[in-house]
Amino acid sequence: MSLSKTDTDLDQEKYLREATRHFYGIEKPLKYGPSVETLNDLIQALYAEFSTNYVNIEMVNHLMLSYKSNPKEWQKFAKFDRYKYTRNLVDTGNGKFNLMILCWGEGHGSTIHDHSDSHCFMKMLKGELREIRYAMPHTTTTGIAVEGNTSNTTSAESDLERHESLDEIGQRTMSLNDVAYINDNLGLHRVENTSHSDTAVSLHLYCPPFDSCSVFEKNSGQRVKCTMTFWSKYGQKVTYGK
């Protein structure tokens, strides 16, 4: 049973969602920002930032940039699957944010997806990933019930919305310790490990946290809302349906 959100929690969530309208991310750590030496330091610093209504989202970006990958700290959370990339929960941030590690086998990739009006930070811990961005499409038809089944999502009855084909607006290759930022105001993206010989690991921060998003088909622009699941939580495999 989940606890109801307090007025303070709702105020913070509203503030964070409003910030997606004007925040575009920063490329380098702030000169006046604190240093982050370990993964635990990062988590504790994030808790401090989210302890007030008015989160400094630029400082959150700084913290993600400042942390330098140390496999000894995150290996216990890094769980791979032979057939698809995995989402592994590290910390729920007292309901204020979700911090997770995604593990990408050779050739694994995500669907094209949005971020449910939240902030998304993605930091490379190992290997390389390619991020492809698309412009947010315009809805033309709604109201068709479907079942969606995508990598790392569960089937869910949702409204399917038909759009024009998606327009690619850019792509980049992310290397060790690089950080990417995206929100729905900036568009959609797809992430993939293009290597056929090396795995990749990335650290993701979502705020406010969300448990469903919309995925898109590139050519038709069809959109399906899907529930997301975790392969593991706190280093332990999650078993569903029991």
Protein backbone atom coordinates (compact mmCIF):
# COMPACT_ATOMS: atom_id res chain seq x y z
CA MET A 1 0.00 0.00 0.00
CA SER A 2 1.50 3.32 -1.07
CA LEU A 3 1.38 6.38 1.15
CA SER A 4 -0.55 9.40 -0.12
CA LYS A 5 1.53 12.37 -1.17
CA THR A 6 1.73 15.38 1.14
CA ASP A 7 1.09 18.94 -0.01
CA THR A 8 4.85 19.48 0.10
CA ASP A 9 5.45 16.50 -2.19
CA LEU A 10 2.83 17.76 -4.63
CA ASP A 11 4.33 21.25 -4.61
CA GLN A 12 7.75 19.85 -5.42
CA GLU A 13 6.37 17.66 -8.18
CA LYS A 14 4.54 20.63 -9.73
CA TYR A 15 7.69 22.74 -9.52
CA LEU A 16 9.79 20.05 -11.21
CA ARG A 17 7.31 19.56 -14.04
CA GLU A 18 7.16 23.31 -14.64
CA ALA A 19 10.97 23.38 -14.81
CA THR A 20 10.95 21.04 -17.84
CA ARG A 21 9.60 23.96 -19.88
CA HIS A 22 12.81 25.97 -19.64
CA PHE A 23 15.65 23.67 -18.50
CA TYR A 24 17.92 22.30 -21.24
CA GLY A 25 20.71 20.73 -19.21
CA ILE A 26 24.29 21.81 -18.57
CA GLU A 27 27.38 20.36 -20.24
CA LYS A 28 30.01 20.92 -17.51
CA PRO A 29 29.98 20.75 -13.69
CA LEU A 30 29.27 24.02 -11.91
CA LYS A 31 32.31 25.89 -10.55
CA TYR A 32 30.58 26.43 -7.21
CA GLY A 33 29.02 22.97 -6.95
CA PRO A 34 30.05 20.31 -4.41
CA SER A 35 32.31 17.45 -5.43
CA VAL A 36 31.01 13.89 -5.49
CA GLU A 37 33.56 11.16 -4.78
CA THR A 38 31.45 7.99 -4.53
CA LEU A 39 28.08 6.63 -5.59
CA ASN A 40 26.92 6.88 -1.98
CA ASP A 41 28.03 10.53 -1.92
CA LEU A 42 25.93 11.11 -5.03
CA ILE A 43 22.85 9.52 -3.45
CA GLN A 44 23.22 11.51 -0.24
CA ALA A 45 23.71 14.75 -2.19
CA LEU A 46 20.58 14.02 -4.23
CA TYR A 47 18.56 13.48 -1.05
CA ALA A 48 19.75 16.88 0.16
CA GLU A 49 18.74 18.58 -3.10
CA PHE A 50 15.26 17.02 -3.02
CA SER A 51 14.66 17.92 0.63
CA THR A 52 12.96 21.22 -0.27
CA ASN A 53 10.08 22.17 -2.54
CA TYR A 54 12.24 24.15 -4.95
CA VAL A 55 14.79 21.68 -6.25
CA ASN A 56 17.78 23.23 -8.02
CA ILE A 57 17.61 21.05 -11.12
CA GLU A 58 20.85 22.59 -12.40
CA MET A 59 22.58 21.33 -9.24
CA VAL A 60 21.11 17.86 -9.81
CA ASN A 61 22.67 17.96 -13.28
CA HIS A 62 25.97 19.07 -11.71
CA LEU A 63 25.94 16.12 -9.32
CA MET A 64 25.40 13.63 -12.15
CA LEU A 65 28.27 15.20 -14.08
CA SER A 66 30.57 15.25 -11.05
CA TYR A 67 30.33 11.57 -10.16
CA LYS A 68 33.03 9.48 -11.84
CA SER A 69 32.20 5.86 -12.56
CA ASN A 70 33.68 3.28 -10.21
CA PRO A 71 32.63 -0.28 -11.11
CA LYS A 72 33.31 -1.51 -7.57
CA GLU A 73 30.47 0.74 -6.37
CA TRP A 74 27.80 -0.15 -8.92
CA GLN A 75 28.58 -3.73 -10.00
CA LYS A 76 26.13 -5.22 -7.47
CA PHE A 77 23.29 -3.38 -9.22
CA ALA A 78 24.38 -4.26 -12.76
CA LYS A 79 22.23 -7.21 -13.84
CA PHE A 80 22.24 -8.28 -17.49
CA ASP A 81 19.70 -10.24 -19.51
CA ARG A 82 20.66 -12.21 -22.59
CA TYR A 83 17.78 -10.92 -24.71
CA LYS A 84 17.07 -7.32 -23.68
CA TYR A 85 18.43 -4.39 -21.73
CA THR A 86 17.53 -4.30 -18.04
CA ARG A 87 16.34 -1.62 -15.62
CA ASN A 88 17.80 -2.07 -12.13
CA LEU A 89 16.57 0.11 -9.26
CA VAL A 90 19.26 1.62 -7.03
CA ASP A 91 17.26 4.10 -4.91
CA THR A 92 13.70 5.46 -4.82
CA GLY A 93 14.70 8.81 -3.32
CA ASN A 94 11.84 8.73 -0.78
CA GLY A 95 9.44 9.00 -3.70
CA LYS A 96 11.09 12.19 -4.98
CA PHE A 97 13.30 10.62 -7.68
CA ASN A 98 14.29 7.24 -9.07
CA LEU A 99 17.94 6.32 -9.52
CA MET A 100 18.57 3.21 -11.59
CA ILE A 101 21.24 1.39 -13.56
CA LEU A 102 20.48 0.16 -17.07
CA CYS A 103 22.51 -2.69 -18.51
CA TRP A 104 22.82 -3.06 -22.26
CA GLY A 105 24.02 -6.26 -23.88
CA GLU A 106 25.62 -6.28 -27.31
CA GLY A 107 23.17 -4.78 -29.82
CA HIS A 108 20.45 -4.03 -27.25
CA GLY A 109 18.33 -0.90 -27.66
CA SER A 110 15.26 0.81 -26.30
CA THR A 111 12.09 1.80 -28.08
CA ILE A 112 11.50 5.43 -29.00
CA HIS A 113 9.89 6.87 -25.88
CA ASP A 114 8.93 9.96 -23.92
CA HIS A 115 9.54 10.71 -20.22
CA SER A 116 6.06 11.40 -18.82
CA ASP A 117 6.68 15.12 -18.32
CA SER A 118 9.69 14.45 -16.05
CA HIS A 119 13.41 15.19 -16.11
CA CYS A 120 15.72 12.42 -17.34
CA PHE A 121 19.48 12.36 -16.74
CA MET A 122 21.56 9.55 -18.26
CA LYS A 123 25.23 9.03 -17.34
CA MET A 124 27.60 6.51 -18.89
CA LEU A 125 29.25 4.14 -16.41
CA LYS A 126 30.74 1.68 -18.92
CA GLY A 127 31.04 1.39 -22.70
CA GLU A 128 29.25 3.56 -25.24
CA LEU A 129 25.63 4.22 -26.18
CA ARG A 130 24.10 6.04 -29.11
CA GLU A 131 21.21 8.40 -28.39
CA ILE A 132 18.88 9.31 -31.27
CA ARG A 133 16.41 12.14 -30.70
CA TYR A 134 13.09 12.80 -32.43
CA ALA A 135 10.72 15.76 -32.47
CA MET A 136 7.59 15.34 -30.37
CA PRO A 137 4.80 14.42 -32.85
CA HIS A 138 1.35 15.97 -33.11
CA THR A 139 -1.67 13.81 -32.33
CA THR A 140 -4.23 13.33 -35.11
CA THR A 141 -6.35 10.39 -33.88
CA THR A 142 -6.99 8.94 -30.42
CA GLY A 143 -9.10 6.43 -28.56
CA ILE A 144 -8.12 3.00 -29.88
CA ALA A 145 -7.54 0.41 -27.16
CA VAL A 146 -4.48 -1.77 -27.77
CA GLU A 147 -2.02 -3.93 -25.94
CA GLY A 148 1.58 -2.81 -26.12
CA ASN A 149 4.58 -5.06 -25.53
CA THR A 150 8.04 -3.52 -25.62
CA SER A 151 11.47 -4.31 -24.20
CA ASN A 152 11.43 -3.71 -20.43
CA THR A 153 7.71 -2.88 -20.40
CA THR A 154 4.65 -4.92 -19.57
CA SER A 155 1.56 -5.18 -21.77
CA ALA A 156 -1.01 -2.57 -20.91
CA GLU A 157 -4.36 -1.53 -22.36
CA SER A 158 -3.85 2.05 -23.45
CA ASP A 159 -4.96 4.67 -25.92
CA LEU A 160 -3.13 4.44 -29.22
CA GLU A 161 -2.60 7.77 -30.93
CA ARG A 162 -1.71 8.07 -34.59
CA HIS A 163 0.79 10.70 -35.74
CA GLU A 164 2.89 11.44 -38.78
CA SER A 165 6.22 9.62 -39.05
CA LEU A 166 8.76 10.81 -36.49
CA ASP A 167 11.36 13.38 -37.51
CA GLU A 168 14.91 12.73 -36.31
CA ILE A 169 16.45 15.89 -34.87
CA GLY A 170 19.90 14.66 -33.84
CA GLN A 171 22.05 11.92 -32.42
CA ARG A 172 25.17 11.53 -30.33
CA THR A 173 27.50 8.84 -29.03
CA MET A 174 27.91 8.82 -25.26
CA SER A 175 31.19 7.63 -23.75
CA LEU A 176 32.41 6.99 -20.21
CA ASN A 177 31.15 9.62 -17.69
CA ASP A 178 29.21 11.59 -20.33
CA VAL A 179 25.78 12.85 -19.22
CA ALA A 180 22.73 13.44 -21.44
CA TYR A 181 19.60 15.30 -20.38
CA ILE A 182 16.14 15.17 -21.95
CA ASN A 183 12.55 16.05 -21.15
CA ASP A 184 9.37 16.01 -23.24
CA ASN A 185 9.83 19.66 -24.20
CA LEU A 186 13.07 18.62 -25.94
CA GLY A 187 11.53 15.63 -27.72
CA LEU A 188 11.68 11.83 -27.70
CA HIS A 189 14.67 9.54 -27.84
CA ARG A 190 15.89 6.03 -28.46
CA VAL A 191 19.06 4.64 -26.86
CA GLU A 192 21.07 1.72 -28.22
CA ASN A 193 24.31 -0.16 -27.74
CA THR A 194 25.64 -0.41 -31.28
CA SER A 195 28.59 -2.61 -30.28
CA HIS A 196 28.50 -6.31 -31.17
CA SER A 197 31.35 -7.15 -28.79
CA ASP A 198 31.03 -4.90 -25.72
CA THR A 199 28.32 -4.34 -23.12
CA ALA A 200 27.36 -0.93 -21.76
CA VAL A 201 26.06 0.35 -18.41
CA SER A 202 24.32 3.67 -17.73
CA LEU A 203 23.04 5.47 -14.63
CA HIS A 204 19.61 7.16 -14.92
CA LEU A 205 17.87 9.70 -12.71
CA TYR A 206 14.16 10.43 -13.22
CA CYS A 207 12.38 13.21 -11.34
CA PRO A 208 9.56 13.21 -10.56
CA PRO A 209 9.65 9.39 -10.71
CA PHE A 210 7.23 7.67 -13.10
CA ASP A 211 6.18 4.07 -13.75
CA SER A 212 4.72 4.41 -17.24
CA CYS A 213 5.61 6.23 -20.44
CA SER A 214 4.58 6.35 -24.09
CA VAL A 215 6.50 4.47 -26.77
CA PHE A 216 6.37 5.32 -30.47
CA GLU A 217 6.69 3.54 -33.80
CA LYS A 218 9.05 5.53 -36.03
CA ASN A 219 7.36 5.20 -39.42
CA SER A 220 3.69 5.49 -38.45
CA GLY A 221 4.10 7.58 -35.31
CA GLN A 222 1.77 5.25 -33.42
CA ARG A 223 1.95 5.76 -29.68
CA VAL A 224 1.23 3.23 -26.93
CA LYS A 225 1.30 3.87 -23.20
CA CYS A 226 3.21 1.13 -21.37
CA THR A 227 3.98 0.28 -17.77
CA MET A 228 7.66 -0.06 -16.96
CA THR A 229 9.14 -2.73 -14.71
CA PHE A 230 12.44 -3.38 -12.96
CA TRP A 231 14.63 -6.40 -13.65
CA SER A 232 16.08 -6.03 -10.16
CA LYS A 233 15.70 -3.83 -7.08
CA TYR A 234 18.62 -3.02 -4.77
CA GLY A 235 20.67 -5.79 -6.39
CA GLN A 236 18.00 -8.52 -6.08
CA LYS A 237 16.11 -10.05 -9.02
CA VAL A 238 12.42 -9.14 -9.10
CA THR A 239 9.94 -11.96 -9.75
CA TYR A 240 6.54 -10.92 -11.06
CA GLY A 241 3.31 -12.90 -11.04
CA LYS A 242 3.94 -14.88 -7.86
